[in-house]
Every structure is written in C-alpha cells, then in structure tokens.
C-alpha cells in the first residue's frame, strides 16, 4: 500500500468518525439543557469536604 493510499484511507476513516459523532450529538445531545442555580452551585463548591472514612487496624 502506498503512502498516498494509506493517507486517503485514514482521512476517510477519520472523516466518517467525525460525521458519526456529529450525528449522534445532533440526535441525542443538542436539545439537552441544564439549568444552573448560581447560589446553589457556589454553596455546593464551598461546602467542606466529607471526612475520610477511618479504618481499624484489626483484621
């Protein structure tokens, strides 16, 4: 297989993958909307981290 033919096959494969991803996004993701409440998000991000679970040394 020549380099030119290989390059063409790879370009076609990448183009097809991009088209499939765009189609899947168009069908399933495009209309999805997430509403974000600013104060609630800020409160969630500013909340202290939960305490790490402690393990006993006995087995």
N, C-alpha and C. Protein backbone atom coordinates (compact mmCIF):
# COMPACT_ATOMS: atom_id res chain seq x y z
N UNK A 1 0.86 -1.18 0.00
CA UNK A 1 0.00 0.00 0.00
C UNK A 1 0.90 1.24 0.00
N UNK A 2 0.63 2.13 -0.85
CA UNK A 2 1.45 3.33 -0.93
C UNK A 2 1.07 4.30 0.18
N UNK A 3 1.97 5.22 0.42
CA UNK A 3 1.71 6.22 1.46
C UNK A 3 0.49 7.07 1.12
N UNK A 4 0.33 7.38 -0.14
CA UNK A 4 -0.79 8.22 -0.56
C UNK A 4 -2.12 7.49 -0.35
N UNK A 5 -2.15 6.21 -0.66
CA UNK A 5 -3.37 5.43 -0.48
C UNK A 5 -3.69 5.27 1.00
N UNK A 6 -2.66 5.02 1.79
CA UNK A 6 -2.86 4.91 3.24
C UNK A 6 -3.39 6.21 3.82
N UNK A 7 -2.83 7.32 3.38
CA UNK A 7 -3.28 8.62 3.86
C UNK A 7 -4.74 8.85 3.50
N UNK A 8 -5.14 8.48 2.32
CA UNK A 8 -6.53 8.65 1.90
C UNK A 8 -7.46 7.78 2.74
N UNK A 9 -7.07 6.53 3.00
CA UNK A 9 -7.90 5.64 3.81
C UNK A 9 -8.04 6.18 5.24
N UNK A 10 -6.95 6.67 5.79
CA UNK A 10 -7.02 7.23 7.15
C UNK A 10 -7.87 8.48 7.19
N UNK A 11 -7.76 9.33 6.18
CA UNK A 11 -8.56 10.55 6.14
C UNK A 11 -10.04 10.21 6.03
N UNK A 12 -10.38 9.22 5.22
CA UNK A 12 -11.79 8.81 5.08
C UNK A 12 -12.30 8.24 6.40
N UNK A 13 -11.48 7.43 7.07
CA UNK A 13 -11.90 6.84 8.34
C UNK A 13 -12.14 7.92 9.39
N UNK A 14 -11.25 8.88 9.49
CA UNK A 14 -11.40 9.97 10.47
C UNK A 14 -12.62 10.81 10.13
N UNK A 15 -12.81 11.12 8.86
CA UNK A 15 -13.96 11.91 8.44
C UNK A 15 -15.27 11.19 8.78
N UNK A 16 -15.33 9.88 8.53
CA UNK A 16 -16.54 9.12 8.86
C UNK A 16 -16.80 9.13 10.38
N UNK A 17 -15.75 8.99 11.15
CA UNK A 17 -15.92 9.00 12.61
C UNK A 17 -16.44 10.36 13.10
N UNK A 18 -15.90 11.43 12.54
CA UNK A 18 -16.36 12.77 12.92
C UNK A 18 -17.82 12.95 12.53
N UNK A 19 -18.19 12.48 11.35
CA UNK A 19 -19.58 12.59 10.92
C UNK A 19 -20.52 11.79 11.82
N UNK A 20 -20.10 10.59 12.22
CA UNK A 20 -20.93 9.77 13.11
C UNK A 20 -21.07 10.45 14.47
N UNK A 21 -19.97 11.00 15.00
CA UNK A 21 -20.05 11.71 16.28
C UNK A 21 -20.97 12.92 16.19
N UNK A 22 -20.87 13.66 15.09
CA UNK A 22 -21.74 14.82 14.91
C UNK A 22 -23.20 14.40 14.81
N UNK A 23 -23.47 13.31 14.12
CA UNK A 23 -24.85 12.81 14.02
C UNK A 23 -25.38 12.38 15.38
N UNK A 24 -24.57 11.66 16.14
CA UNK A 24 -25.01 11.23 17.47
C UNK A 24 -25.27 12.43 18.38
N UNK A 25 -24.39 13.44 18.31
CA UNK A 25 -24.62 14.65 19.11
C UNK A 25 -25.92 15.32 18.67
N UNK A 26 -26.12 15.42 17.37
CA UNK A 26 -27.31 16.08 16.84
C UNK A 26 -28.58 15.37 17.29
N UNK A 27 -28.55 14.03 17.32
CA UNK A 27 -29.74 13.26 17.69
C UNK A 27 -30.01 13.23 19.19
N UNK A 28 -28.96 13.18 20.02
CA UNK A 28 -29.18 12.89 21.43
C UNK A 28 -28.78 14.01 22.40
N UNK A 29 -27.90 14.90 22.03
CA UNK A 29 -27.35 15.85 22.99
C UNK A 29 -27.81 17.28 22.74
N UNK A 30 -28.02 17.63 21.51
CA UNK A 30 -28.24 19.02 21.13
C UNK A 30 -29.36 19.70 21.90
N UNK A 31 -30.44 19.00 22.20
CA UNK A 31 -31.57 19.62 22.88
C UNK A 31 -31.47 19.54 24.41
N UNK A 32 -30.46 18.88 24.90
CA UNK A 32 -30.32 18.74 26.35
C UNK A 32 -29.86 20.06 26.97
N UNK A 33 -30.58 20.53 27.93
CA UNK A 33 -30.23 21.78 28.61
C UNK A 33 -30.16 21.51 30.10
N UNK A 34 -29.21 22.14 30.74
CA UNK A 34 -29.05 22.01 32.18
C UNK A 34 -29.14 23.41 32.76
N UNK A 35 -30.10 23.60 33.66
CA UNK A 35 -30.20 24.90 34.31
C UNK A 35 -29.31 24.88 35.56
N UNK A 36 -28.60 25.96 35.74
CA UNK A 36 -27.67 26.05 36.87
C UNK A 36 -28.11 27.19 37.76
N UNK A 37 -28.33 26.87 39.02
CA UNK A 37 -28.65 27.88 40.01
C UNK A 37 -27.33 28.36 40.62
N UNK A 38 -26.95 29.57 40.32
CA UNK A 38 -25.66 30.10 40.75
C UNK A 38 -25.40 30.01 42.23
N UNK A 39 -26.31 30.51 43.07
CA UNK A 39 -26.07 30.44 44.52
C UNK A 39 -25.97 28.99 45.03
N UNK A 40 -26.79 28.09 44.50
CA UNK A 40 -26.72 26.70 44.95
C UNK A 40 -25.39 26.06 44.53
N UNK A 41 -24.93 26.38 43.33
CA UNK A 41 -23.65 25.84 42.87
C UNK A 41 -22.50 26.38 43.72
N UNK A 42 -22.54 27.65 44.04
CA UNK A 42 -21.49 28.25 44.87
C UNK A 42 -21.48 27.62 46.26
N UNK A 43 -22.67 27.39 46.80
CA UNK A 43 -22.75 26.77 48.13
C UNK A 43 -22.21 25.35 48.08
N UNK A 44 -22.51 24.63 47.02
CA UNK A 44 -22.03 23.25 46.88
C UNK A 44 -20.51 23.23 46.76
N UNK A 45 -19.94 24.15 45.98
CA UNK A 45 -18.50 24.17 45.79
C UNK A 45 -17.76 24.65 47.04
N UNK A 46 -18.40 25.47 47.84
CA UNK A 46 -17.76 25.99 49.04
C UNK A 46 -17.95 25.08 50.25
N UNK A 47 -18.75 24.04 50.13
CA UNK A 47 -19.02 23.14 51.26
C UNK A 47 -17.75 22.40 51.64
N UNK A 48 -17.56 22.14 52.90
CA UNK A 48 -16.37 21.39 53.33
C UNK A 48 -16.43 19.94 52.82
N UNK A 49 -15.27 19.39 52.58
CA UNK A 49 -15.20 18.00 52.10
C UNK A 49 -15.62 17.07 53.22
N UNK A 50 -16.29 15.96 52.87
CA UNK A 50 -16.67 15.00 53.92
C UNK A 50 -15.42 14.35 54.51
N UNK A 51 -15.53 13.96 55.75
CA UNK A 51 -14.41 13.33 56.45
C UNK A 51 -14.09 12.00 55.80
N UNK A 52 -12.81 11.69 55.72
CA UNK A 52 -12.39 10.40 55.15
C UNK A 52 -12.75 9.29 56.12
N UNK A 53 -13.22 8.16 55.60
CA UNK A 53 -13.58 7.06 56.49
C UNK A 53 -12.33 6.52 57.17
N UNK A 54 -12.49 6.17 58.43
CA UNK A 54 -11.35 5.61 59.16
C UNK A 54 -11.46 4.09 59.14
N UNK A 55 -10.32 3.47 59.10
CA UNK A 55 -10.31 2.01 59.10
C UNK A 55 -9.61 1.54 60.37
N UNK A 56 -10.10 0.45 60.89
CA UNK A 56 -9.47 -0.10 62.09
C UNK A 56 -8.28 -0.96 61.65
N UNK A 57 -7.26 -1.00 62.48
CA UNK A 57 -6.05 -1.75 62.15
C UNK A 57 -6.24 -3.25 62.29
N UNK A 58 -7.29 -3.71 62.98
CA UNK A 58 -7.51 -5.14 63.20
C UNK A 58 -8.10 -5.79 61.97
N UNK A 59 -7.61 -6.99 61.70
CA UNK A 59 -8.18 -7.75 60.56
C UNK A 59 -8.65 -9.09 61.00
